[in-house]
Amino acid sequence: MKDSSDDMRKVQRREKNRIAAQKSRLRQTQKADTLHLESEDLERQNAALRREIKQLTEEMKHFTSMLNSHEPLCSILTSPPPPPEVLYATHSFHQPHISSPRFQH
């Protein structure tokens, strides 16, 4: 009788071990799938950020070029400084000097 109960325990232990191993493999697969999805998402974000960097770099080049062509013609830079009351007049702060949608409020 002792042998049959030992055999029964062995069978139960093996079955329990088999189920635990199966669950472990499933968890590993799910973790790998999750990491793969996260990796793909990060690749997409990276590509979007690289596109944005490229666009911003082009925009910076454009504004630098505009500034360089404007500086020699700018009356503010070539004339003597205005009196302080003109510098700090409230209406002068509401006139945008740069015409870009990024700088419009």
C-alpha atoms as a PDB file:
ATOM      1  CA  MET A   1       0.000   0.000   0.000  1.00  0.00           C
ATOM      2  CA  LYS A   2       2.925   2.289   0.768  1.00  0.00           C
ATOM      3  CA  ASP A   3       4.270   1.905  -2.784  1.00  0.00           C
ATOM      4  CA  SER A   4       0.989   2.923  -4.416  1.00  0.00           C
ATOM      5  CA  SER A   5       0.674   6.076  -2.278  1.00  0.00           C
ATOM      6  CA  ASP A   6       4.323   6.955  -3.070  1.00  0.00           C
ATOM      7  CA  ASP A   7       3.639   6.400  -6.744  1.00  0.00           C
ATOM      8  CA  MET A   8       0.542   8.564  -6.476  1.00  0.00           C
ATOM      9  CA  ARG A   9       2.554  11.390  -4.855  1.00  0.00           C
ATOM     10  CA  LYS A  10       5.205  11.132  -7.561  1.00  0.00           C
ATOM     11  CA  VAL A  11       2.562  11.380 -10.284  1.00  0.00           C
ATOM     12  CA  GLN A  12       0.932  14.366  -8.558  1.00  0.00           C
ATOM     13  CA  ARG A  13       4.319  16.056  -8.058  1.00  0.00           C
ATOM     14  CA  ARG A  14       5.239  15.508 -11.711  1.00  0.00           C
ATOM     15  CA  GLU A  15       1.882  16.890 -12.840  1.00  0.00           C
ATOM     16  CA  LYS A  16       2.261  19.902 -10.568  1.00  0.00           C
ATOM     17  CA  ASN A  17       5.808  20.453 -11.857  1.00  0.00           C
ATOM     18  CA  ARG A  18       4.620  20.118 -15.474  1.00  0.00           C
ATOM     19  CA  ILE A  19       1.909  22.751 -14.904  1.00  0.00           C
ATOM     20  CA  ALA A  20       4.368  25.098 -13.149  1.00  0.00           C
ATOM     21  CA  ALA A  21       6.856  24.745 -16.045  1.00  0.00           C
ATOM     22  CA  GLN A  22       4.077  25.385 -18.557  1.00  0.00           C
ATOM     23  CA  LYS A  23       3.013  28.551 -16.675  1.00  0.00           C
ATOM     24  CA  SER A  24       6.628  29.694 -16.479  1.00  0.00           C
ATOM     25  CA  ARG A  25       7.102  29.272 -20.241  1.00  0.00           C
ATOM     26  CA  LEU A  26       3.841  31.149 -20.860  1.00  0.00           C
ATOM     27  CA  ARG A  27       4.985  34.039 -18.620  1.00  0.00           C
ATOM     28  CA  GLN A  28       8.339  34.169 -20.458  1.00  0.00           C
ATOM     29  CA  THR A  29       6.548  34.275 -23.812  1.00  0.00           C
ATOM     30  CA  GLN A  30       4.208  37.023 -22.615  1.00  0.00           C
ATOM     31  CA  LYS A  31       7.147  39.034 -21.263  1.00  0.00           C
ATOM     32  CA  ALA A  32       8.994  38.670 -24.579  1.00  0.00           C
ATOM     33  CA  ASP A  33       5.857  39.767 -26.470  1.00  0.00           C
ATOM     34  CA  THR A  34       5.457  42.795 -24.195  1.00  0.00           C
ATOM     35  CA  LEU A  35       9.106  43.764 -24.646  1.00  0.00           C
ATOM     36  CA  HIS A  36       8.753  43.400 -28.409  1.00  0.00           C
ATOM     37  CA  LEU A  37       5.692  45.683 -28.454  1.00  0.00           C
ATOM     38  CA  GLU A  38       7.453  48.237 -26.222  1.00  0.00           C
ATOM     39  CA  SER A  39      10.482  48.116 -28.519  1.00  0.00           C
ATOM     40  CA  GLU A  40       8.326  48.750 -31.602  1.00  0.00           C
ATOM     41  CA  ASP A  41       6.585  51.644 -29.833  1.00  0.00           C
ATOM     42  CA  LEU A  42       9.926  53.186 -28.831  1.00  0.00           C
ATOM     43  CA  GLU A  43      11.184  52.811 -32.418  1.00  0.00           C
ATOM     44  CA  ARG A  44       8.096  54.688 -33.660  1.00  0.00           C
ATOM     45  CA  GLN A  45       8.583  57.424 -31.054  1.00  0.00           C
ATOM     46  CA  ASN A  46      12.263  57.675 -31.962  1.00  0.00           C
ATOM     47  CA  ALA A  47      11.437  58.043 -35.664  1.00  0.00           C
ATOM     48  CA  ALA A  48       8.836  60.733 -34.887  1.00  0.00           C
ATOM     49  CA  LEU A  49      11.329  62.627 -32.721  1.00  0.00           C
ATOM     50  CA  ARG A  50      13.977  62.394 -35.432  1.00  0.00           C
ATOM     51  CA  ARG A  51      11.472  63.820 -37.954  1.00  0.00           C
ATOM     52  CA  GLU A  52      10.675  66.637 -35.513  1.00  0.00           C
ATOM     53  CA  ILE A  53      14.388  67.368 -34.992  1.00  0.00           C
ATOM     54  CA  LYS A  54      14.853  67.532 -38.763  1.00  0.00           C
ATOM     55  CA  GLN A  55      11.864  69.868 -39.151  1.00  0.00           C
ATOM     56  CA  LEU A  56      13.028  72.111 -36.290  1.00  0.00           C
ATOM     57  CA  THR A  57      16.567  72.201 -37.693  1.00  0.00           C
ATOM     58  CA  GLU A  58      15.196  73.306 -41.071  1.00  0.00           C
ATOM     59  CA  GLU A  59      13.036  75.916 -39.345  1.00  0.00           C
ATOM     60  CA  MET A  60      16.055  77.176 -37.391  1.00  0.00           C
ATOM     61  CA  LYS A  61      18.061  77.445 -40.635  1.00  0.00           C
ATOM     62  CA  HIS A  62      15.209  79.409 -42.210  1.00  0.00           C
ATOM     63  CA  PHE A  63      14.953  81.836 -39.276  1.00  0.00           C
ATOM     64  CA  THR A  64      18.729  82.210 -39.069  1.00  0.00           C
ATOM     65  CA  SER A  65      18.774  83.076 -42.756  1.00  0.00           C
ATOM     66  CA  MET A  66      15.913  85.546 -42.269  1.00  0.00           C
ATOM     67  CA  LEU A  67      17.719  87.129 -39.330  1.00  0.00           C
ATOM     68  CA  ASN A  68      21.007  87.364 -41.221  1.00  0.00           C
ATOM     69  CA  SER A  69      19.305  89.060 -44.172  1.00  0.00           C
ATOM     70  CA  HIS A  70      17.306  91.351 -41.864  1.00  0.00           C
ATOM     71  CA  GLU A  71      20.135  92.521 -39.588  1.00  0.00           C
ATOM     72  CA  PRO A  72      21.856  94.853 -42.106  1.00  0.00           C
ATOM     73  CA  LEU A  73      18.502  96.482 -42.911  1.00  0.00           C
ATOM     74  CA  CYS A  74      17.120  96.695 -39.392  1.00  0.00           C
ATOM     75  CA  SER A  75      16.519 100.300 -38.344  1.00  0.00           C
ATOM     76  CA  ILE A  76      16.423  99.273 -34.678  1.00  0.00           C
ATOM     77  CA  LEU A  77      19.975  97.938 -34.878  1.00  0.00           C
ATOM     78  CA  THR A  78      21.413 100.750 -37.033  1.00  0.00           C
ATOM     79  CA  SER A  79      19.828 103.777 -35.365  1.00  0.00           C
ATOM     80  CA  PRO A  80      20.712 105.194 -31.946  1.00  0.00           C
ATOM     81  CA  PRO A  81      18.812 103.596 -29.081  1.00  0.00           C
ATOM     82  CA  PRO A  82      15.347 105.037 -28.486  1.00  0.00           C
ATOM     83  CA  PRO A  83      14.602 106.882 -25.263  1.00  0.00           C
ATOM     84  CA  PRO A  84      13.492 104.697 -22.341  1.00  0.00           C
ATOM     85  CA  GLU A  85       9.869 105.868 -22.524  1.00  0.00           C
ATOM     86  CA  VAL A  86       9.639 104.459 -26.061  1.00  0.00           C
ATOM     87  CA  LEU A  87      11.372 101.217 -25.097  1.00  0.00           C
ATOM     88  CA  TYR A  88       8.931 100.497 -22.285  1.00  0.00           C
ATOM     89  CA  ALA A  89       5.724 101.729 -23.885  1.00  0.00           C
ATOM     90  CA  THR A  90       3.000  99.117 -23.385  1.00  0.00           C
ATOM     91  CA  HIS A  91       1.975  99.029 -27.021  1.00  0.00           C
ATOM     92  CA  SER A  92       5.460  97.956 -28.185  1.00  0.00           C
ATOM     93  CA  PHE A  93       5.173  94.610 -26.358  1.00  0.00           C
ATOM     94  CA  HIS A  94       2.121  93.544 -28.354  1.00  0.00           C
ATOM     95  CA  GLN A  95       3.607  93.825 -31.826  1.00  0.00           C
ATOM     96  CA  PRO A  96       5.145  90.539 -32.902  1.00  0.00           C
ATOM     97  CA  HIS A  97       8.373  90.982 -34.835  1.00  0.00           C
ATOM     98  CA  ILE A  98       8.555  87.363 -35.996  1.00  0.00           C
ATOM     99  CA  SER A  99       5.862  86.100 -38.343  1.00  0.00           C
ATOM    100  CA  SER A 100       5.690  82.399 -37.631  1.00  0.00           C
ATOM    101  CA  PRO A 101       2.703  80.380 -36.392  1.00  0.00           C
ATOM    102  CA  ARG A 102       4.984  78.888 -33.713  1.00  0.00           C
ATOM    103  CA  PHE A 103       5.435  82.345 -32.158  1.00  0.00           C
ATOM    104  CA  GLN A 104       1.830  83.491 -32.444  1.00  0.00           C
ATOM    105  CA  HIS A 105      -0.362  83.196 -29.364  1.00  0.00           C
END
